[in-house]
Amino acid sequence: MWSHIEIRSDSLVHCLAEQLDIWIFCGHALHGGHAAQDRHSWWQETQNILAKFVNNPELILMMDANAAPGEQDDFTVFSEGFRTSVNS
């Protein structure tokens, strides 16, 4: 059994079976062309929605987060094409 919750243009799916109870969130965060307050609001709203519906630790996030890449790992982060973001 599964249930689907559409949020804006994002999706939250709950998959429930005899030995399976997971949530999957597919999201696309606002990019740097949007106002900082709008980007912050998107993240806050997303956090609130996940806190409201997801009641277990089994959450898979599939996102285009439009976020800074994080700490350098010389493998993916800071490799060619991943050097900057206005969302850091």
N, C-alpha and C. Protein backbone atom coordinates (compact mmCIF):
# COMPACT_ATOMS: atom_id res chain seq x y z
N MET A 1 0.85 -1.16 0.00
CA MET A 1 0.00 0.00 0.00
C MET A 1 0.90 1.23 0.00
N TRP A 2 0.46 2.26 -0.68
CA TRP A 2 1.20 3.50 -0.68
C TRP A 2 0.23 4.67 -0.72
N SER A 3 0.70 5.78 -0.22
CA SER A 3 -0.09 7.01 -0.30
C SER A 3 0.81 8.11 -0.83
N HIS A 4 0.21 9.04 -1.55
CA HIS A 4 0.95 10.11 -2.20
C HIS A 4 0.40 11.45 -1.73
N ILE A 5 1.31 12.33 -1.33
CA ILE A 5 0.94 13.67 -0.91
C ILE A 5 1.66 14.64 -1.83
N GLU A 6 0.91 15.43 -2.60
CA GLU A 6 1.55 16.41 -3.48
C GLU A 6 1.66 17.73 -2.75
N ILE A 7 2.86 18.27 -2.73
CA ILE A 7 3.17 19.51 -2.03
C ILE A 7 3.82 20.44 -3.05
N ARG A 8 3.15 21.53 -3.36
CA ARG A 8 3.66 22.42 -4.40
C ARG A 8 3.91 21.57 -5.64
N SER A 9 5.12 21.56 -6.17
CA SER A 9 5.44 20.66 -7.28
C SER A 9 6.29 19.50 -6.79
N ASP A 10 6.39 19.34 -5.48
CA ASP A 10 7.16 18.26 -4.87
C ASP A 10 6.23 17.12 -4.50
N SER A 11 6.80 15.97 -4.18
CA SER A 11 5.98 14.81 -3.82
C SER A 11 6.53 14.12 -2.58
N LEU A 12 5.62 13.64 -1.77
CA LEU A 12 5.96 12.83 -0.61
C LEU A 12 5.14 11.56 -0.72
N VAL A 13 5.81 10.42 -0.70
CA VAL A 13 5.14 9.12 -0.85
C VAL A 13 5.45 8.27 0.37
N HIS A 14 4.41 7.61 0.88
CA HIS A 14 4.56 6.67 1.98
C HIS A 14 4.32 5.28 1.44
N CYS A 15 5.34 4.41 1.53
CA CYS A 15 5.24 3.02 1.07
C CYS A 15 5.15 2.14 2.30
N LEU A 16 4.08 1.39 2.39
CA LEU A 16 3.83 0.56 3.57
C LEU A 16 3.46 -0.85 3.13
N ALA A 17 4.23 -1.82 3.58
CA ALA A 17 3.98 -3.23 3.29
C ALA A 17 4.35 -4.03 4.53
N GLU A 18 4.22 -5.34 4.44
CA GLU A 18 4.47 -6.20 5.60
C GLU A 18 5.84 -5.95 6.22
N GLN A 19 6.87 -5.84 5.39
CA GLN A 19 8.22 -5.63 5.91
C GLN A 19 8.84 -4.33 5.38
N LEU A 20 8.00 -3.38 5.06
CA LEU A 20 8.48 -2.13 4.50
C LEU A 20 7.63 -0.97 5.00
N ASP A 21 8.30 0.04 5.52
CA ASP A 21 7.62 1.25 5.96
C ASP A 21 8.59 2.41 5.73
N ILE A 22 8.53 3.00 4.53
CA ILE A 22 9.45 4.07 4.19
C ILE A 22 8.69 5.26 3.60
N TRP A 23 9.32 6.41 3.69
CA TRP A 23 8.83 7.64 3.08
C TRP A 23 9.84 8.06 2.02
N ILE A 24 9.35 8.59 0.90
CA ILE A 24 10.21 9.09 -0.16
C ILE A 24 9.76 10.51 -0.48
N PHE A 25 10.70 11.45 -0.40
CA PHE A 25 10.40 12.84 -0.74
C PHE A 25 11.20 13.22 -1.98
N CYS A 26 10.51 13.70 -3.01
CA CYS A 26 11.14 14.21 -4.23
C CYS A 26 10.90 15.71 -4.27
N GLY A 27 11.96 16.48 -4.21
CA GLY A 27 11.79 17.92 -4.14
C GLY A 27 12.76 18.68 -5.03
N HIS A 28 12.37 19.88 -5.36
CA HIS A 28 13.20 20.77 -6.16
C HIS A 28 13.18 22.14 -5.49
N ALA A 29 14.25 22.45 -4.78
CA ALA A 29 14.34 23.71 -4.04
C ALA A 29 14.46 24.89 -4.99
N LEU A 30 14.09 26.04 -4.49
CA LEU A 30 14.22 27.27 -5.28
C LEU A 30 15.70 27.58 -5.51
N HIS A 31 16.02 28.10 -6.68
CA HIS A 31 17.41 28.43 -7.01
C HIS A 31 17.73 29.87 -6.62
N GLY A 32 18.97 30.24 -6.80
CA GLY A 32 19.47 31.54 -6.37
C GLY A 32 18.85 32.74 -7.07
N GLY A 33 18.09 32.53 -8.15
CA GLY A 33 17.41 33.62 -8.80
C GLY A 33 16.19 34.10 -8.03
N HIS A 34 15.76 33.32 -7.04
CA HIS A 34 14.64 33.70 -6.19
C HIS A 34 15.16 34.49 -4.99
N ALA A 35 14.31 35.30 -4.42
CA ALA A 35 14.68 36.10 -3.25
C ALA A 35 15.09 35.18 -2.10
N ALA A 36 16.05 35.62 -1.30
CA ALA A 36 16.54 34.82 -0.17
C ALA A 36 15.39 34.43 0.76
N GLN A 37 14.45 35.34 1.01
CA GLN A 37 13.32 35.03 1.90
C GLN A 37 12.45 33.92 1.31
N ASP A 38 12.25 33.92 0.00
CA ASP A 38 11.46 32.86 -0.64
C ASP A 38 12.17 31.51 -0.54
N ARG A 39 13.50 31.51 -0.72
CA ARG A 39 14.26 30.26 -0.58
C ARG A 39 14.18 29.75 0.85
N HIS A 40 14.34 30.66 1.81
CA HIS A 40 14.24 30.27 3.22
C HIS A 40 12.85 29.71 3.53
N SER A 41 11.82 30.37 3.01
CA SER A 41 10.45 29.91 3.25
C SER A 41 10.22 28.52 2.66
N TRP A 42 10.79 28.26 1.47
CA TRP A 42 10.64 26.93 0.86
C TRP A 42 11.23 25.85 1.77
N TRP A 43 12.44 26.12 2.28
CA TRP A 43 13.09 25.14 3.15
C TRP A 43 12.31 24.97 4.45
N GLN A 44 11.83 26.04 5.02
CA GLN A 44 11.08 25.95 6.27
C GLN A 44 9.77 25.19 6.06
N GLU A 45 9.08 25.48 4.98
CA GLU A 45 7.82 24.79 4.68
C GLU A 45 8.08 23.30 4.45
N THR A 46 9.15 22.98 3.73
CA THR A 46 9.49 21.58 3.49
C THR A 46 9.78 20.86 4.80
N GLN A 47 10.56 21.50 5.66
CA GLN A 47 10.86 20.91 6.97
C GLN A 47 9.59 20.68 7.77
N ASN A 48 8.68 21.64 7.76
CA ASN A 48 7.42 21.51 8.50
C ASN A 48 6.56 20.38 7.95
N ILE A 49 6.50 20.25 6.63
CA ILE A 49 5.71 19.18 6.01
C ILE A 49 6.27 17.82 6.37
N LEU A 50 7.59 17.66 6.27
CA LEU A 50 8.21 16.38 6.61
C LEU A 50 7.99 16.05 8.09
N ALA A 51 8.10 17.04 8.96
CA ALA A 51 7.87 16.80 10.39
C ALA A 51 6.42 16.41 10.66
N LYS A 52 5.50 16.95 9.89
CA LYS A 52 4.07 16.67 10.07
C LYS A 52 3.70 15.24 9.65
N PHE A 53 4.25 14.77 8.54
CA PHE A 53 3.83 13.50 7.98
C PHE A 53 4.75 12.33 8.28
N VAL A 54 6.06 12.55 8.25
CA VAL A 54 7.01 11.43 8.39
C VAL A 54 7.15 11.09 9.86
N ASN A 55 6.71 9.89 10.22
CA ASN A 55 6.70 9.49 11.63
C ASN A 55 7.69 8.37 11.94
N ASN A 56 8.64 8.14 11.05
CA ASN A 56 9.69 7.16 11.32
C ASN A 56 10.98 7.63 10.67
N PRO A 57 12.10 7.03 11.01
CA PRO A 57 13.38 7.51 10.49
C PRO A 57 13.69 7.05 9.07
N GLU A 58 12.82 6.26 8.48
CA GLU A 58 13.08 5.72 7.14
C GLU A 58 12.61 6.70 6.08
N LEU A 59 13.43 7.69 5.78
CA LEU A 59 13.11 8.73 4.81
C LEU A 59 14.20 8.78 3.75
N ILE A 60 13.78 8.67 2.49
CA ILE A 60 14.69 8.79 1.36
C ILE A 60 14.41 10.14 0.72
N LEU A 61 15.45 10.97 0.60
CA LEU A 61 15.33 12.28 -0.02
C LEU A 61 15.95 12.23 -1.41
N MET A 62 15.19 12.63 -2.41
CA MET A 62 15.70 12.76 -3.77
C MET A 62 15.44 14.20 -4.15
N MET A 63 16.51 15.00 -4.17
CA MET A 63 16.32 16.43 -4.32
C MET A 63 17.33 17.08 -5.25
N ASP A 64 16.85 18.11 -5.91
CA ASP A 64 17.73 19.11 -6.49
C ASP A 64 17.67 20.24 -5.48
N ALA A 65 18.63 20.27 -4.56
CA ALA A 65 18.57 21.18 -3.42
C ALA A 65 19.04 22.60 -3.77
N ASN A 66 19.65 22.78 -4.94
CA ASN A 66 20.18 24.10 -5.29
C ASN A 66 20.96 24.70 -4.13
N ALA A 67 21.83 23.90 -3.55
CA ALA A 67 22.56 24.30 -2.34
C ALA A 67 24.06 24.22 -2.59
N ALA A 68 24.79 24.83 -1.70
CA ALA A 68 26.25 24.73 -1.76
C ALA A 68 26.65 23.26 -1.65
N PRO A 69 27.74 22.88 -2.29
CA PRO A 69 28.10 21.47 -2.35
C PRO A 69 28.64 20.87 -1.06
N GLY A 70 29.01 21.65 -0.08
CA GLY A 70 29.50 21.09 1.17
C GLY A 70 31.02 21.03 1.23
N GLU A 71 31.52 20.23 2.14
CA GLU A 71 32.96 20.11 2.35
C GLU A 71 33.64 19.45 1.16
N GLN A 72 34.85 19.90 0.87
CA GLN A 72 35.63 19.31 -0.21
C GLN A 72 35.97 17.87 0.11
N ASP A 73 35.73 16.97 -0.86
CA ASP A 73 36.12 15.57 -0.66
C ASP A 73 37.03 15.07 -1.79
N ASP A 74 37.38 15.96 -2.73
CA ASP A 74 38.26 15.65 -3.86
C ASP A 74 37.74 14.50 -4.72
N PHE A 75 36.49 14.12 -4.54
CA PHE A 75 35.90 13.07 -5.36
C PHE A 75 34.75 13.65 -6.17
N THR A 76 33.76 14.20 -5.47
CA THR A 76 32.62 14.85 -6.13
C THR A 76 32.60 16.32 -5.82
N VAL A 77 32.67 16.65 -4.53
CA VAL A 77 32.59 18.05 -4.13
C VAL A 77 33.88 18.76 -4.50
N PHE A 78 33.73 19.88 -5.18
CA PHE A 78 34.82 20.69 -5.71
C PHE A 78 35.50 20.05 -6.91
N SER A 79 34.89 19.01 -7.46
CA SER A 79 35.40 18.55 -8.74
C SER A 79 34.87 19.52 -9.80
N GLU A 80 35.32 19.41 -11.00
CA GLU A 80 34.96 20.36 -12.06
C GLU A 80 33.44 20.55 -12.13
N GLY A 81 33.01 21.82 -12.05
CA GLY A 81 31.60 22.13 -12.20
C GLY A 81 30.83 22.28 -10.91
N PHE A 82 31.43 22.05 -9.75
CA PHE A 82 30.72 22.12 -8.47
C PHE A 82 31.38 23.11 -7.52
N ARG A 83 31.79 24.27 -7.99
CA ARG A 83 32.56 25.17 -7.16
C ARG A 83 31.76 26.25 -6.45
N THR A 84 30.62 26.68 -6.95
CA THR A 84 29.95 27.82 -6.35
C THR A 84 28.45 27.62 -6.21
N SER A 85 27.85 28.41 -5.32
CA SER A 85 26.40 28.47 -5.15
C SER A 85 26.08 29.74 -4.40
N VAL A 86 24.96 30.39 -4.76
CA VAL A 86 24.54 31.56 -4.01
C VAL A 86 23.77 31.16 -2.76
N ASN A 87 23.51 29.86 -2.60
CA ASN A 87 22.69 29.38 -1.49
C ASN A 87 23.51 28.89 -0.31
N SER A 88 24.78 29.22 -0.25
CA SER A 88 25.60 28.73 0.86
C SER A 88 25.36 29.53 2.11
